[in-house]
């Protein structure tokens, strides 16, 4: 494998992404234009905003006015979302939140939406595991059919190993708009070696989240500011992920800039500044 030239990278704008929030949208847009990266819109996973029709419409309009880079994605609702819950009322509100996320994604014309598995490894047993897989696959399958032009990425959150995502992916991989979002930092917080995550999931991975941590807590540090081995990530990127979109999942613009520069030093094609006329 080889790394892309800058010209090739320009032609694939959006393969690397930064978090965006409406409250500082112009600064995020400036950084995105400077480094030719896209957004992962992070405003609409907040249930308070999902319940605020006027506020939601105002932020959607703000994004439309400022503009969203090509190849951008969106983080969907995840707080307490459990479409596999034994409680019918929790399933109902969970489905509503995911449906709202997909509708907003359509309004913003982003290419995909990230949802969490949200399974609890402390509850894992054959009955619970079947409930998670069946409930997730049934409803996410409905969304994949309802929104065939929008990718849905399922992300590891509390997962202690890749087993649940593998089972879900085996059933949903028949949909061309399905993929796994591997949160590389979350995986490093589990007791499962990162090699096992990659080996099990790489056929399904279409999107990645990266940030750094101390290997104990989900700190969302700038890439290179913690203890994750990024030389190892470069090897995985080169072997498996060069066609995947990659979100630098840290919110402050200064940390995003530091991450882009660090990755550029690793010769991963996301840190070259756009040419000026």
Protein backbone atom coordinates (compact mmCIF):
# COMPACT_ATOMS: atom_id res chain seq x y z
CA UNK A 1 0.00 0.00 0.00
CA UNK A 2 1.04 3.60 -0.45
CA UNK A 3 -0.18 6.89 0.97
CA UNK A 4 -2.11 9.34 -1.19
CA UNK A 5 -0.44 12.35 -2.74
CA UNK A 6 -1.86 15.74 -1.76
CA UNK A 7 -3.68 16.02 -5.09
CA UNK A 8 -5.33 12.64 -4.52
CA UNK A 9 -6.24 13.72 -0.99
CA UNK A 10 -7.90 16.90 -2.29
CA UNK A 11 -10.02 14.77 -4.59
CA UNK A 12 -11.17 12.70 -1.59
CA UNK A 13 -12.13 15.60 0.69
CA UNK A 14 -14.12 14.45 3.66
CA UNK A 15 -12.23 11.21 4.34
CA UNK A 16 -10.95 12.83 7.54
CA UNK A 17 -13.40 14.73 9.71
CA UNK A 18 -13.47 17.02 12.74
CA UNK A 19 -16.22 17.48 15.32
CA UNK A 20 -18.42 20.51 14.68
CA UNK A 21 -20.79 22.40 16.98
CA UNK A 22 -23.03 25.28 15.98
CA UNK A 23 -21.76 27.48 18.82
CA UNK A 24 -18.35 27.81 17.16
CA UNK A 25 -19.22 26.84 13.62
CA UNK A 26 -17.19 29.50 11.80
CA UNK A 27 -13.95 28.40 13.53
CA UNK A 28 -14.62 24.77 12.67
CA UNK A 29 -15.34 25.75 9.07
CA UNK A 30 -12.07 27.70 8.86
CA UNK A 31 -10.10 24.68 10.08
CA UNK A 32 -11.99 22.36 7.75
CA UNK A 33 -11.20 24.58 4.77
CA UNK A 34 -7.56 24.95 5.80
CA UNK A 35 -7.00 21.20 6.08
CA UNK A 36 -9.60 20.00 3.56
CA UNK A 37 -11.52 17.87 6.05
CA UNK A 38 -15.20 17.35 6.72
CA UNK A 39 -17.46 17.60 9.77
CA UNK A 40 -19.10 15.15 12.08
CA UNK A 41 -21.99 17.27 13.28
CA UNK A 42 -22.28 16.84 17.06
CA UNK A 43 -25.21 19.06 18.01
CA UNK A 44 -28.09 16.67 17.52
CA UNK A 45 -27.37 13.81 19.90
CA UNK A 46 -28.58 16.02 22.76
CA UNK A 47 -32.16 14.97 23.69
CA UNK A 48 -32.90 18.49 24.93
CA UNK A 49 -32.31 19.82 21.43
CA UNK A 50 -34.30 17.00 19.89
CA UNK A 51 -37.26 18.14 22.00
CA UNK A 52 -36.76 21.81 21.05
CA UNK A 53 -38.31 22.19 17.61
CA UNK A 54 -37.40 25.86 17.20
CA UNK A 55 -33.85 25.43 18.45
CA UNK A 56 -33.35 22.41 16.23
CA UNK A 57 -34.60 24.25 13.16
CA UNK A 58 -32.37 27.25 13.93
CA UNK A 59 -29.22 25.12 14.13
CA UNK A 60 -30.10 23.24 10.95
CA UNK A 61 -30.51 26.59 9.20
CA UNK A 62 -27.18 27.79 10.60
CA UNK A 63 -25.40 24.78 9.12
CA UNK A 64 -27.09 25.33 5.78
CA UNK A 65 -26.00 28.96 5.72
CA UNK A 66 -22.39 28.30 6.70
CA UNK A 67 -22.13 25.14 4.60
CA UNK A 68 -21.20 21.56 5.42
CA UNK A 69 -18.11 20.08 3.70
CA UNK A 70 -18.57 17.16 1.34
CA UNK A 71 -18.31 13.75 2.97
CA UNK A 72 -19.49 14.95 6.38
CA UNK A 73 -21.32 12.76 8.89
CA UNK A 74 -23.43 13.26 12.01
CA UNK A 75 -23.51 11.71 15.47
CA UNK A 76 -26.96 10.39 16.22
CA UNK A 77 -28.79 10.21 19.54
CA UNK A 78 -27.23 7.86 22.07
CA UNK A 79 -28.08 8.97 25.62
CA UNK A 80 -30.00 6.04 27.16
CA UNK A 81 -30.96 4.79 23.69
CA UNK A 82 -31.83 1.09 23.90
CA UNK A 83 -33.94 -0.30 21.07
CA UNK A 84 -33.42 -3.75 22.60
CA UNK A 85 -34.73 -2.82 26.07
CA UNK A 86 -37.17 -5.14 27.84
CA UNK A 87 -39.18 -1.99 28.63
CA UNK A 88 -41.54 -1.18 25.75
CA UNK A 89 -41.67 2.52 26.64
CA UNK A 90 -37.86 2.79 26.55
CA UNK A 91 -37.84 1.03 23.19
CA UNK A 92 -40.43 3.51 21.93
CA UNK A 93 -38.47 6.66 22.87
CA UNK A 94 -35.22 5.08 21.66
CA UNK A 95 -36.72 4.45 18.24
CA UNK A 96 -38.07 8.01 18.15
CA UNK A 97 -34.61 9.46 18.88
CA UNK A 98 -32.98 7.37 16.17
CA UNK A 99 -35.71 8.31 13.70
CA UNK A 100 -35.21 12.00 14.53
CA UNK A 101 -31.49 11.59 13.94
CA UNK A 102 -32.05 10.12 10.50
CA UNK A 103 -34.51 12.87 9.54
CA UNK A 104 -32.06 15.59 10.60
CA UNK A 105 -29.27 13.85 8.66
CA UNK A 106 -31.47 14.02 5.59
CA UNK A 107 -32.07 17.75 6.08
CA UNK A 108 -28.33 18.35 6.42
CA UNK A 109 -27.51 16.03 3.50
CA UNK A 110 -24.69 14.31 5.40
CA UNK A 111 -23.51 10.93 4.18
CA UNK A 112 -24.02 8.96 7.38
CA UNK A 113 -25.11 8.80 11.02
CA UNK A 114 -23.29 7.19 13.96
CA UNK A 115 -25.23 5.28 16.63
CA UNK A 116 -23.90 3.37 19.65
CA UNK A 117 -24.47 -0.29 20.43
CA UNK A 118 -25.14 0.76 24.06
CA UNK A 119 -25.05 -2.83 25.27
CA UNK A 120 -23.96 -3.35 28.87
CA UNK A 121 -21.19 -5.97 29.22
CA UNK A 122 -22.03 -6.35 32.92
CA UNK A 123 -25.40 -7.82 31.92
CA UNK A 124 -24.00 -10.15 29.28
CA UNK A 125 -25.53 -13.61 29.21
CA UNK A 126 -27.05 -15.66 26.37
CA UNK A 127 -30.57 -14.24 26.85
CA UNK A 128 -29.45 -10.60 27.11
CA UNK A 129 -27.02 -10.95 24.20
CA UNK A 130 -29.74 -12.38 21.95
CA UNK A 131 -32.04 -9.53 22.95
CA UNK A 132 -29.39 -6.95 22.05
CA UNK A 133 -28.67 -8.48 18.65
CA UNK A 134 -32.30 -9.12 17.74
CA UNK A 135 -33.57 -5.73 18.90
CA UNK A 136 -30.73 -3.82 17.26
CA UNK A 137 -30.84 -5.68 13.96
CA UNK A 138 -34.61 -5.46 13.67
CA UNK A 139 -34.87 -1.70 14.13
CA UNK A 140 -31.61 -0.66 12.48
CA UNK A 141 -32.56 -2.88 9.55
CA UNK A 142 -35.82 -0.93 9.25
CA UNK A 143 -33.90 2.36 9.22
CA UNK A 144 -31.43 1.07 6.63
CA UNK A 145 -34.33 0.23 4.35
CA UNK A 146 -36.17 3.48 5.04
CA UNK A 147 -33.08 5.64 4.39
CA UNK A 148 -31.13 3.78 1.69
CA UNK A 149 -29.05 6.84 0.72
CA UNK A 150 -27.72 7.43 4.24
CA UNK A 151 -25.04 5.30 5.87
CA UNK A 152 -25.66 4.00 9.38
CA UNK A 153 -22.56 3.26 11.44
CA UNK A 154 -22.80 1.25 14.66
CA UNK A 155 -20.11 2.22 17.18
CA UNK A 156 -18.59 0.29 20.07
CA UNK A 157 -19.25 2.17 23.30
CA UNK A 158 -19.30 0.10 26.49
CA UNK A 159 -18.46 -3.08 24.56
CA UNK A 160 -15.78 -5.14 26.28
CA UNK A 161 -14.98 -7.06 23.09
CA UNK A 162 -16.05 -7.04 19.43
CA UNK A 163 -18.35 -10.06 19.68
CA UNK A 164 -21.65 -8.16 19.80
CA UNK A 165 -20.74 -5.91 16.88
CA UNK A 166 -19.66 -8.92 14.86
CA UNK A 167 -23.02 -10.63 15.44
CA UNK A 168 -24.91 -7.46 14.53
CA UNK A 169 -22.75 -6.86 11.46
CA UNK A 170 -23.12 -10.41 10.16
CA UNK A 171 -26.85 -9.74 9.89
CA UNK A 172 -26.76 -6.13 8.68
CA UNK A 173 -23.85 -6.35 6.23
CA UNK A 174 -26.34 -7.24 3.48
CA UNK A 175 -27.28 -3.55 3.44
CA UNK A 176 -24.90 -1.44 1.37
CA UNK A 177 -25.52 1.55 3.67
CA UNK A 178 -24.41 -0.28 6.85
CA UNK A 179 -20.99 -0.20 8.45
CA UNK A 180 -19.19 -0.34 11.78
CA UNK A 181 -17.75 2.78 13.36
CA UNK A 182 -14.74 1.54 15.30
CA UNK A 183 -14.03 3.89 18.17
CA UNK A 184 -10.31 3.22 18.40
CA UNK A 185 -10.00 4.94 21.77
CA UNK A 186 -12.94 3.07 23.31
CA UNK A 187 -11.42 -0.21 22.15
CA UNK A 188 -8.22 0.64 24.00
CA UNK A 189 -10.19 0.98 27.25
CA UNK A 190 -11.42 -2.61 27.05
CA UNK A 191 -9.56 -5.69 28.28
CA UNK A 192 -9.50 -7.03 24.73
CA UNK A 193 -6.26 -6.40 22.78
CA UNK A 194 -6.65 -3.96 19.90
CA UNK A 195 -5.44 -6.65 17.49
CA UNK A 196 -8.53 -8.72 18.28
CA UNK A 197 -10.84 -5.76 17.61
CA UNK A 198 -9.20 -5.17 14.23
CA UNK A 199 -9.12 -8.83 13.23
CA UNK A 200 -12.78 -9.37 14.08
CA UNK A 201 -14.25 -6.16 12.72
CA UNK A 202 -12.15 -4.93 9.81
CA UNK A 203 -14.42 -6.47 7.13
CA UNK A 204 -17.26 -4.29 8.40
CA UNK A 205 -15.49 -1.06 9.41
CA UNK A 206 -16.40 1.95 7.27
CA UNK A 207 -15.81 4.77 9.74
CA UNK A 208 -13.46 5.38 12.67
CA UNK A 209 -13.33 7.66 15.70
CA UNK A 210 -9.90 8.53 17.02
CA UNK A 211 -8.65 10.52 20.00
CA UNK A 212 -6.21 9.80 22.80
CA UNK A 213 -6.41 8.74 26.44
CA UNK A 214 -4.41 7.30 29.33
CA UNK A 215 -5.67 3.75 28.53
CA UNK A 216 -7.92 3.98 31.60
CA UNK A 217 -10.49 6.75 30.94
CA UNK A 218 -12.33 8.11 27.89
CA UNK A 219 -10.61 11.50 27.94
CA UNK A 220 -10.96 12.62 24.30
CA UNK A 221 -7.46 14.11 24.26
CA UNK A 222 -5.77 15.36 21.13
CA UNK A 223 -4.25 12.56 19.06
CA UNK A 224 -0.69 12.08 20.34
CA UNK A 225 -1.37 13.58 23.78
CA UNK A 226 -2.03 10.27 25.56
CA UNK A 227 -0.72 6.72 25.63
CA UNK A 228 -2.24 5.12 22.53
CA UNK A 229 0.37 3.76 20.10
CA UNK A 230 -0.18 5.80 16.92
CA UNK A 231 2.60 4.12 14.97
CA UNK A 232 0.53 0.96 15.36
CA UNK A 233 -2.57 2.87 14.20
CA UNK A 234 -0.69 4.00 11.11
CA UNK A 235 0.03 0.35 10.27
CA UNK A 236 -3.66 -0.56 10.66
CA UNK A 237 -4.68 2.50 8.66
CA UNK A 238 -2.38 1.56 5.81
CA UNK A 239 -3.51 -2.08 5.83
CA UNK A 240 -7.25 -1.73 6.42
CA UNK A 241 -8.60 1.80 6.78
CA UNK A 242 -7.32 4.01 3.98
CA UNK A 243 -10.77 3.91 2.35
CA UNK A 244 -12.62 4.63 5.61
CA UNK A 245 -13.70 8.01 6.90
CA UNK A 246 -11.92 8.97 10.13
CA UNK A 247 -13.22 11.41 12.74
CA UNK A 248 -10.79 13.21 15.00
CA UNK A 249 -13.14 13.10 17.97
CA UNK A 250 -12.02 15.93 20.19
CA UNK A 251 -14.03 19.12 20.45
CA UNK A 252 -11.70 22.12 21.06
CA UNK A 253 -10.39 23.57 17.81
CA UNK A 254 -6.89 23.77 19.29
CA UNK A 255 -6.90 20.01 19.98
CA UNK A 256 -8.21 19.31 16.50
CA UNK A 257 -5.37 21.35 15.01
CA UNK A 258 -2.80 19.56 17.19
CA UNK A 259 -4.26 16.21 16.10
CA UNK A 260 -4.13 17.10 12.40
CA UNK A 261 -0.51 18.20 12.70
CA UNK A 262 0.43 15.07 14.66
CA UNK A 263 -1.19 12.81 12.06
CA UNK A 264 0.54 14.72 9.29
CA UNK A 265 3.87 13.89 10.94
CA UNK A 266 2.83 10.22 10.78
CA UNK A 267 2.40 10.67 7.00
CA UNK A 268 -1.33 9.94 7.21
CA UNK A 269 -3.00 12.07 4.53
CA UNK A 270 -5.07 14.44 6.65
CA UNK A 271 -2.67 17.12 7.78
CA UNK A 272 -1.59 18.92 4.63
CA UNK A 273 -2.89 22.44 4.51
CA UNK A 274 -4.89 23.41 1.44
CA UNK A 275 -2.93 25.19 -1.25
CA UNK A 276 -3.45 28.90 -1.41
CA UNK A 277 -3.91 30.73 -4.64
